[in-house]
PDB file of N, CA and C in Angstrom:
ATOM      1  N   UNK A   1     147.025  23.494 159.332  1.00  0.00           N
ATOM      2  CA  UNK A   1     147.553  22.286 158.747  1.00  0.00           C
ATOM      3  C   UNK A   1     146.506  21.190 158.918  1.00  0.00           C
ATOM      4  N   UNK A   2     146.128  20.569 157.813  1.00  0.00           N
ATOM      5  CA  UNK A   2     145.126  19.520 157.845  1.00  0.00           C
ATOM      6  C   UNK A   2     145.798  18.162 157.758  1.00  0.00           C
ATOM      7  N   UNK A   3     145.443  17.270 158.670  1.00  0.00           N
ATOM      8  CA  UNK A   3     146.004  15.923 158.668  1.00  0.00           C
ATOM      9  C   UNK A   3     145.010  14.985 158.013  1.00  0.00           C
ATOM     10  N   UNK A   4     145.034  14.960 156.691  1.00  0.00           N
ATOM     11  CA  UNK A   4     144.061  14.162 155.965  1.00  0.00           C
ATOM     12  C   UNK A   4     144.657  12.929 155.321  1.00  0.00           C
ATOM     13  N   UNK A   5     145.930  12.952 154.997  1.00  0.00           N
ATOM     14  CA  UNK A   5     146.554  11.821 154.318  1.00  0.00           C
ATOM     15  C   UNK A   5     146.978  10.771 155.350  1.00  0.00           C
ATOM     16  N   UNK A   6     146.980   9.537 154.934  1.00  0.00           N
ATOM     17  CA  UNK A   6     147.425   8.446 155.790  1.00  0.00           C
ATOM     18  C   UNK A   6     148.872   8.136 155.457  1.00  0.00           C
ATOM     19  N   UNK A   7     149.711   8.049 156.489  1.00  0.00           N
ATOM     20  CA  UNK A   7     151.119   7.726 156.301  1.00  0.00           C
ATOM     21  C   UNK A   7     151.280   6.320 155.759  1.00  0.00           C
ATOM     22  N   UNK A   8     152.306   6.109 154.958  1.00  0.00           N
ATOM     23  CA  UNK A   8     152.558   4.805 154.338  1.00  0.00           C
ATOM     24  C   UNK A   8     153.933   4.291 154.752  1.00  0.00           C
ATOM     25  N   UNK A   9     154.113   2.967 154.670  1.00  0.00           N
ATOM     26  CA  UNK A   9     155.402   2.327 154.937  1.00  0.00           C
ATOM     27  C   UNK A   9     155.768   1.431 153.764  1.00  0.00           C
ATOM     28  N   UNK A  10     157.067   1.316 153.494  1.00  0.00           N
ATOM     29  CA  UNK A  10     157.549   0.446 152.418  1.00  0.00           C
ATOM     30  C   UNK A  10     157.651  -0.989 152.938  1.00  0.00           C
ATOM     31  N   UNK A  11     158.044  -1.897 152.070  1.00  0.00           N
ATOM     32  CA  UNK A  11     158.154  -3.307 152.435  1.00  0.00           C
ATOM     33  C   UNK A  11     159.204  -3.518 153.539  1.00  0.00           C
ATOM     34  N   UNK A  12     160.308  -2.780 153.462  1.00  0.00           N
ATOM     35  CA  UNK A  12     161.381  -2.904 154.449  1.00  0.00           C
ATOM     36  C   UNK A  12     160.957  -2.409 155.831  1.00  0.00           C
ATOM     37  N   UNK A  13     160.165  -1.343 155.889  1.00  0.00           N
ATOM     38  CA  UNK A  13     159.763  -0.729 157.155  1.00  0.00           C
ATOM     39  C   UNK A  13     158.381  -1.191 157.628  1.00  0.00           C
ATOM     40  N   UNK A  14     157.727  -2.032 156.873  1.00  0.00           N
ATOM     41  CA  UNK A  14     156.368  -2.476 157.182  1.00  0.00           C
ATOM     42  C   UNK A  14     156.278  -3.056 158.597  1.00  0.00           C
ATOM     43  N   UNK A  15     155.341  -2.546 159.389  1.00  0.00           N
ATOM     44  CA  UNK A  15     155.113  -3.037 160.731  1.00  0.00           C
ATOM     45  C   UNK A  15     155.804  -2.239 161.818  1.00  0.00           C
ATOM     46  N   UNK A  16     156.709  -1.324 161.455  1.00  0.00           N
ATOM     47  CA  UNK A  16     157.422  -0.516 162.452  1.00  0.00           C
ATOM     48  C   UNK A  16     156.561   0.639 162.939  1.00  0.00           C
ATOM     49  N   UNK A  17     156.723   0.980 164.215  1.00  0.00           N
ATOM     50  CA  UNK A  17     156.172   2.221 164.735  1.00  0.00           C
ATOM     51  C   UNK A  17     157.044   3.336 164.172  1.00  0.00           C
ATOM     52  N   UNK A  18     156.433   4.406 163.679  1.00  0.00           N
ATOM     53  CA  UNK A  18     157.205   5.469 163.033  1.00  0.00           C
ATOM     54  C   UNK A  18     157.988   6.319 164.025  1.00  0.00           C
ATOM     55  N   UNK A  19     157.714   6.204 165.321  1.00  0.00           N
ATOM     56  CA  UNK A  19     158.434   6.979 166.325  1.00  0.00           C
ATOM     57  C   UNK A  19     159.558   6.168 166.951  1.00  0.00           C
ATOM     58  N   UNK A  20     159.249   4.959 167.437  1.00  0.00           N
ATOM     59  CA  UNK A  20     160.251   4.201 168.209  1.00  0.00           C
ATOM     60  C   UNK A  20     160.780   2.955 167.489  1.00  0.00           C
ATOM     61  N   UNK A  21     160.327   2.685 166.287  1.00  0.00           N
ATOM     62  CA  UNK A  21     160.760   1.545 165.472  1.00  0.00           C
ATOM     63  C   UNK A  21     160.378   0.184 166.068  1.00  0.00           C
ATOM     64  N   UNK A  22     159.446   0.159 166.996  1.00  0.00           N
ATOM     65  CA  UNK A  22     158.983  -1.084 167.599  1.00  0.00           C
ATOM     66  C   UNK A  22     158.074  -1.829 166.618  1.00  0.00           C
ATOM     67  N   UNK A  23     158.129  -3.152 166.655  1.00  0.00           N
ATOM     68  CA  UNK A  23     157.230  -3.970 165.842  1.00  0.00           C
ATOM     69  C   UNK A  23     156.057  -4.489 166.684  1.00  0.00           C
ATOM     70  N   UNK A  24     155.882  -3.975 167.895  1.00  0.00           N
ATOM     71  CA  UNK A  24     154.909  -4.502 168.845  1.00  0.00           C
ATOM     72  C   UNK A  24     153.643  -3.655 168.883  1.00  0.00           C
ATOM     73  N   UNK A  25     152.506  -4.288 168.831  1.00  0.00           N
ATOM     74  CA  UNK A  25     151.171  -3.707 169.029  1.00  0.00           C
ATOM     75  C   UNK A  25     150.892  -2.405 168.296  1.00  0.00           C
ATOM     76  N   UNK A  26     150.771  -2.438 166.973  1.00  0.00           N
ATOM     77  CA  UNK A  26     150.370  -1.224 166.255  1.00  0.00           C
ATOM     78  C   UNK A  26     148.978  -0.800 166.710  1.00  0.00           C
ATOM     79  N   UNK A  27     148.787   0.507 166.958  1.00  0.00           N
ATOM     80  CA  UNK A  27     147.529   0.949 167.544  1.00  0.00           C
ATOM     81  C   UNK A  27     146.839   2.082 166.784  1.00  0.00           C
ATOM     82  N   UNK A  28     147.557   3.142 166.500  1.00  0.00           N
ATOM     83  CA  UNK A  28     146.937   4.349 165.936  1.00  0.00           C
ATOM     84  C   UNK A  28     147.480   4.620 164.538  1.00  0.00           C
ATOM     85  N   UNK A  29     146.576   4.826 163.611  1.00  0.00           N
ATOM     86  CA  UNK A  29     146.946   5.126 162.231  1.00  0.00           C
ATOM     87  C   UNK A  29     147.676   6.467 162.146  1.00  0.00           C
ATOM     88  N   UNK A  30     148.758   6.514 161.380  1.00  0.00           N
ATOM     89  CA  UNK A  30     149.536   7.742 161.216  1.00  0.00           C
ATOM     90  C   UNK A  30     148.852   8.645 160.197  1.00  0.00           C
ATOM     91  N   UNK A  31     148.619   9.869 160.594  1.00  0.00           N
ATOM     92  CA  UNK A  31     148.055  10.894 159.709  1.00  0.00           C
ATOM     93  C   UNK A  31     149.144  11.917 159.418  1.00  0.00           C
ATOM     94  N   UNK A  32     149.275  12.284 158.158  1.00  0.00           N
ATOM     95  CA  UNK A  32     150.243  13.315 157.770  1.00  0.00           C
ATOM     96  C   UNK A  32     149.506  14.437 157.046  1.00  0.00           C
ATOM     97  N   UNK A  33     150.110  15.598 157.054  1.00  0.00           N
ATOM     98  CA  UNK A  33     149.468  16.744 156.405  1.00  0.00           C
ATOM     99  C   UNK A  33     149.524  16.593 154.887  1.00  0.00           C
ATOM    100  N   UNK A  34     148.635  17.290 154.214  1.00  0.00           N
ATOM    101  CA  UNK A  34     148.596  17.237 152.754  1.00  0.00           C
ATOM    102  C   UNK A  34     149.897  17.749 152.137  1.00  0.00           C
ATOM    103  N   UNK A  35     150.525  18.700 152.790  1.00  0.00           N
ATOM    104  CA  UNK A  35     151.783  19.266 152.298  1.00  0.00           C
ATOM    105  C   UNK A  35     152.888  18.193 152.255  1.00  0.00           C
ATOM    106  N   UNK A  36     152.891  17.301 153.247  1.00  0.00           N
ATOM    107  CA  UNK A  36     153.894  16.232 153.307  1.00  0.00           C
ATOM    108  C   UNK A  36     153.557  15.066 152.372  1.00  0.00           C
ATOM    109  N   UNK A  37     152.368  15.056 151.828  1.00  0.00           N
ATOM    110  CA  UNK A  37     151.935  13.979 150.942  1.00  0.00           C
ATOM    111  C   UNK A  37     151.701  14.509 149.521  1.00  0.00           C
ATOM    112  N   UNK A  38     152.445  15.532 149.142  1.00  0.00           N
ATOM    113  CA  UNK A  38     152.231  16.181 147.859  1.00  0.00           C
ATOM    114  C   UNK A  38     153.404  15.920 146.907  1.00  0.00           C
ATOM    115  N   UNK A  39     153.111  15.812 145.642  1.00  0.00           N
ATOM    116  CA  UNK A  39     154.155  15.696 144.622  1.00  0.00           C
ATOM    117  C   UNK A  39     154.972  14.420 144.745  1.00  0.00           C
ATOM    118  N   UNK A  40     156.272  14.569 144.801  1.00  0.00           N
ATOM    119  CA  UNK A  40     157.164  13.402 144.825  1.00  0.00           C
ATOM    120  C   UNK A  40     157.080  12.635 146.142  1.00  0.00           C
ATOM    121  N   UNK A  41     156.526  13.237 147.197  1.00  0.00           N
ATOM    122  CA  UNK A  41     156.384  12.547 148.479  1.00  0.00           C
ATOM    123  C   UNK A  41     155.110  11.714 148.577  1.00  0.00           C
ATOM    124  N   UNK A  42     154.217  11.851 147.616  1.00  0.00           N
ATOM    125  CA  UNK A  42     152.930  11.167 147.678  1.00  0.00           C
ATOM    126  C   UNK A  42     153.110   9.644 147.649  1.00  0.00           C
ATOM    127  N   UNK A  43     152.552   8.987 148.667  1.00  0.00           N
ATOM    128  CA  UNK A  43     152.593   7.531 148.733  1.00  0.00           C
ATOM    129  C   UNK A  43     153.930   6.949 149.158  1.00  0.00           C
ATOM    130  N   UNK A  44     154.856   7.794 149.604  1.00  0.00           N
ATOM    131  CA  UNK A  44     156.191   7.323 150.002  1.00  0.00           C
ATOM    132  C   UNK A  44     156.191   6.885 151.464  1.00  0.00           C
ATOM    133  N   UNK A  45     157.152   6.049 151.803  1.00  0.00           N
ATOM    134  CA  UNK A  45     157.349   5.579 153.168  1.00  0.00           C
ATOM    135  C   UNK A  45     157.731   6.770 154.045  1.00  0.00           C
ATOM    136  N   UNK A  46     157.065   6.931 155.197  1.00  0.00           N
ATOM    137  CA  UNK A  46     157.342   8.058 156.079  1.00  0.00           C
ATOM    138  C   UNK A  46     158.631   7.868 156.873  1.00  0.00           C
ATOM    139  N   UNK A  47     159.225   6.675 156.851  1.00  0.00           N
ATOM    140  CA  UNK A  47     160.474   6.432 157.569  1.00  0.00           C
ATOM    141  C   UNK A  47     161.684   6.605 156.650  1.00  0.00           C
ATOM    142  N   UNK A  48     161.681   5.928 155.492  1.00  0.00           N
ATOM    143  CA  UNK A  48     162.884   5.952 154.648  1.00  0.00           C
ATOM    144  C   UNK A  48     162.673   6.583 153.269  1.00  0.00           C
ATOM    145  N   UNK A  49     161.444   6.840 152.875  1.00  0.00           N
ATOM    146  CA  UNK A  49     161.183   7.471 151.585  1.00  0.00           C
ATOM    147  C   UNK A  49     160.992   6.498 150.438  1.00  0.00           C
ATOM    148  N   UNK A  50     160.984   5.187 150.724  1.00  0.00           N
ATOM    149  CA  UNK A  50     160.742   4.179 149.685  1.00  0.00           C
ATOM    150  C   UNK A  50     159.292   4.177 149.249  1.00  0.00           C
ATOM    151  N   UNK A  51     158.963   3.319 148.305  1.00  0.00           N
ATOM    152  CA  UNK A  51     157.593   3.230 147.806  1.00  0.00           C
ATOM    153  C   UNK A  51     156.687   2.616 148.867  1.00  0.00           C
ATOM    154  N   UNK A  52     155.661   3.353 149.292  1.00  0.00           N
ATOM    155  CA  UNK A  52     154.749   2.889 150.337  1.00  0.00           C
ATOM    156  C   UNK A  52     153.834   1.769 149.862  1.00  0.00           C
ATOM    157  N   UNK A  53     153.726   0.713 150.667  1.00  0.00           N
ATOM    158  CA  UNK A  53     152.860  -0.416 150.315  1.00  0.00           C
ATOM    159  C   UNK A  53     151.793  -0.703 151.375  1.00  0.00           C
ATOM    160  N   UNK A  54     151.975  -0.166 152.595  1.00  0.00           N
ATOM    161  CA  UNK A  54     151.004  -0.423 153.658  1.00  0.00           C
ATOM    162  C   UNK A  54     150.843   0.824 154.528  1.00  0.00           C
ATOM    163  N   UNK A  55     149.762   0.849 155.299  1.00  0.00           N
ATOM    164  CA  UNK A  55     149.503   1.984 156.177  1.00  0.00           C
ATOM    165  C   UNK A  55     150.474   1.988 157.354  1.00  0.00           C
ATOM    166  N   UNK A  56     150.827   3.173 157.823  1.00  0.00           N
ATOM    167  CA  UNK A  56     151.740   3.329 158.952  1.00  0.00           C
ATOM    168  C   UNK A  56     150.945   3.481 160.239  1.00  0.00           C
ATOM    169  N   UNK A  57     151.497   2.936 161.330  1.00  0.00           N
ATOM    170  CA  UNK A  57     150.847   3.001 162.636  1.00  0.00           C
ATOM    171  C   UNK A  57     151.836   3.425 163.707  1.00  0.00           C
ATOM    172  N   UNK A  58     151.294   4.075 164.752  1.00  0.00           N
ATOM    173  CA  UNK A  58     152.039   4.300 165.985  1.00  0.00           C
ATOM    174  C   UNK A  58     151.768   3.086 166.867  1.00  0.00           C
ATOM    175  N   UNK A  59     152.756   2.660 167.663  1.00  0.00           N
ATOM    176  CA  UNK A  59     152.541   1.524 168.563  1.00  0.00           C
ATOM    177  C   UNK A  59     151.693   1.967 169.762  1.00  0.00           C
ATOM    178  N   UNK A  60     151.207   0.995 170.497  1.00  0.00           N
ATOM    179  CA  UNK A  60     150.372   1.254 171.667  1.00  0.00           C
ATOM    180  C   UNK A  60     151.107   2.112 172.700  1.00  0.00           C
ATOM    181  N   UNK A  61     152.388   1.821 172.945  1.00  0.00           N
ATOM    182  CA  UNK A  61     153.181   2.568 173.930  1.00  0.00           C
ATOM    183  C   UNK A  61     153.293   4.049 173.559  1.00  0.00           C
ATOM    184  N   UNK A  62     153.621   4.341 172.303  1.00  0.00           N
ATOM    185  CA  UNK A  62     153.730   5.741 171.863  1.00  0.00           C
ATOM    186  C   UNK A  62     152.373   6.437 171.910  1.00  0.00           C
ATOM    187  N   UNK A  63     151.313   5.708 171.628  1.00  0.00           N
ATOM    188  CA  UNK A  63     149.968   6.273 171.701  1.00  0.00           C
ATOM    189  C   UNK A  63     149.612   6.602 173.147  1.00  0.00           C
ATOM    190  N   UNK A  64     149.931   5.690 174.077  1.00  0.00           N
ATOM    191  CA  UNK A  64     149.628   5.931 175.491  1.00  0.00           C
ATOM    192  C   UNK A  64     150.424   7.117 176.040  1.00  0.00           C
ATOM    193  N   UNK A  65     151.648   7.303 175.555  1.00  0.00           N
ATOM    194  CA  UNK A  65     152.476   8.430 175.987  1.00  0.00           C
ATOM    195  C   UNK A  65     152.168   9.703 175.203  1.00  0.00           C
ATOM    196  N   UNK A  66     151.185   9.629 174.328  1.00  0.00           N
ATOM    197  CA  UNK A  66     150.721  10.743 173.500  1.00  0.00           C
ATOM    198  C   UNK A  66     151.797  11.317 172.584  1.00  0.00           C
ATOM    199  N   UNK A  67     152.740  10.481 172.206  1.00  0.00           N
ATOM    200  CA  UNK A  67     153.765  10.908 171.245  1.00  0.00           C
ATOM    201  C   UNK A  67     153.168  11.055 169.855  1.00  0.00           C
ATOM    202  N   UNK A  68     152.049  10.382 169.615  1.00  0.00           N
ATOM    203  CA  UNK A  68     151.388  10.469 168.312  1.00  0.00           C
ATOM    204  C   UNK A  68     150.676  11.805 168.120  1.00  0.00           C
ATOM    205  N   UNK A  69     150.396  12.527 169.192  1.00  0.00           N
ATOM    206  CA  UNK A  69     149.636  13.776 169.103  1.00  0.00           C
ATOM    207  C   UNK A  69     150.521  15.012 169.097  1.00  0.00           C
ATOM    208  N   UNK A  70     151.836  14.850 169.271  1.00  0.00           N
ATOM    209  CA  UNK A  70     152.715  16.005 169.413  1.00  0.00           C
ATOM    210  C   UNK A  70     152.764  16.850 168.145  1.00  0.00           C
ATOM    211  N   UNK A  71     152.853  16.223 166.991  1.00  0.00           N
ATOM    212  CA  UNK A  71     152.869  16.977 165.733  1.00  0.00           C
ATOM    213  C   UNK A  71     152.832  15.997 164.570  1.00  0.00           C
ATOM    214  N   UNK A  72     152.682  16.554 163.393  1.00  0.00           N
ATOM    215  CA  UNK A  72     152.733  15.713 162.200  1.00  0.00           C
ATOM    216  C   UNK A  72     154.180  15.307 161.932  1.00  0.00           C
ATOM    217  N   UNK A  73     154.356  14.182 161.311  1.00  0.00           N
ATOM    218  CA  UNK A  73     155.687  13.729 160.948  1.00  0.00           C
ATOM    219  C   UNK A  73     156.187  14.598 159.810  1.00  0.00           C
ATOM    220  N   UNK A  74     157.389  15.114 159.926  1.00  0.00           N
ATOM    221  CA  UNK A  74     157.977  15.930 158.874  1.00  0.00           C
ATOM    222  C   UNK A  74     158.639  15.003 157.860  1.00  0.00           C
ATOM    223  N   UNK A  75     157.865  14.592 156.865  1.00  0.00           N
ATOM    224  CA  UNK A  75     158.316  13.618 155.885  1.00  0.00           C
ATOM    225  C   UNK A  75     159.524  14.123 155.110  1.00  0.00           C
ATOM    226  N   UNK A  76     159.553  15.394 154.786  1.00  0.00           N
ATOM    227  CA  UNK A  76     160.674  15.948 154.028  1.00  0.00           C
ATOM    228  C   UNK A  76     161.980  15.797 154.786  1.00  0.00           C
ATOM    229  N   UNK A  77     161.993  16.049 156.080  1.00  0.00           N
ATOM    230  CA  UNK A  77     163.211  15.915 156.881  1.00  0.00           C
ATOM    231  C   UNK A  77     163.608  14.455 157.024  1.00  0.00           C
ATOM    232  N   UNK A  78     162.630  13.560 157.179  1.00  0.00           N
ATOM    233  CA  UNK A  78     162.937  12.141 157.352  1.00  0.00           C
ATOM    234  C   UNK A  78     163.578  11.555 156.110  1.00  0.00           C
ATOM    235  N   UNK A  79     163.066  11.881 154.943  1.00  0.00           N
ATOM    236  CA  UNK A  79     163.572  11.271 153.723  1.00  0.00           C
ATOM    237  C   UNK A  79     164.873  11.911 153.257  1.00  0.00           C
ATOM    238  N   UNK A  80     165.147  13.138 153.644  1.00  0.00           N
ATOM    239  CA  UNK A  80     166.382  13.793 153.242  1.00  0.00           C
ATOM    240  C   UNK A  80     167.525  13.541 154.226  1.00  0.00           C
ATOM    241  N   UNK A  81     167.220  13.112 155.429  1.00  0.00           N
ATOM    242  CA  UNK A  81     168.231  12.899 156.472  1.00  0.00           C
ATOM    243  C   UNK A  81     169.348  11.951 156.032  1.00  0.00           C
ATOM    244  N   UNK A  82     169.036  10.780 155.417  1.00  0.00           N
ATOM    245  CA  UNK A  82     170.111   9.893 155.001  1.00  0.00           C
ATOM    246  C   UNK A  82     171.019  10.510 153.942  1.00  0.00           C
ATOM    247  N   UNK A  83     170.479  11.366 153.106  1.00  0.00           N
ATOM    248  CA  UNK A  83     171.266  11.999 152.053  1.00  0.00           C
ATOM    249  C   UNK A  83     172.226  13.032 152.613  1.00  0.00           C
ATOM    250  N   UNK A  84     171.767  13.812 153.585  1.00  0.00           N
ATOM    251  CA  UNK A  84     172.608  14.881 154.127  1.00  0.00           C
ATOM    252  C   UNK A  84     173.678  14.337 155.061  1.00  0.00           C
ATOM    253  N   UNK A  85     173.462  13.175 155.653  1.00  0.00           N
ATOM    254  CA  UNK A  85     174.473  12.631 156.571  1.00  0.00           C
ATOM    255  C   UNK A  85     175.697  12.104 155.828  1.00  0.00           C
ATOM    256  N   UNK A  86     175.597  11.852 154.539  1.00  0.00           N
ATOM    257  CA  UNK A  86     176.710  11.358 153.740  1.00  0.00           C
ATOM    258  C   UNK A  86     177.730  12.470 153.507  1.00  0.00           C
ATOM    259  N   UNK A  87     177.252  13.686 153.344  1.00  0.00           N
ATOM    260  CA  UNK A  87     178.123  14.812 153.032  1.00  0.00           C
ATOM    261  C   UNK A  87     178.603  15.372 154.312  1.00  0.00           C
TER     262      UNK A  87
END
């Protein structure tokens, strides 16, 4: 799995850490795999699936705890989660 694409955030989620939702001290750029940035997911917000307008970052705290290195963000699960919780 190659982490070449940069994660994006929409206007509503802009500035949030993608792991803990903190707005404090963005530190590390979010990298996502090409598979998660393909087709209809390309350029979408990695948190809610909206239209991405800015780069996504992990906060300093999550970076220090190495939460940013655990794995790639599963964009498909994140964007489908709100839809499946309704049913």
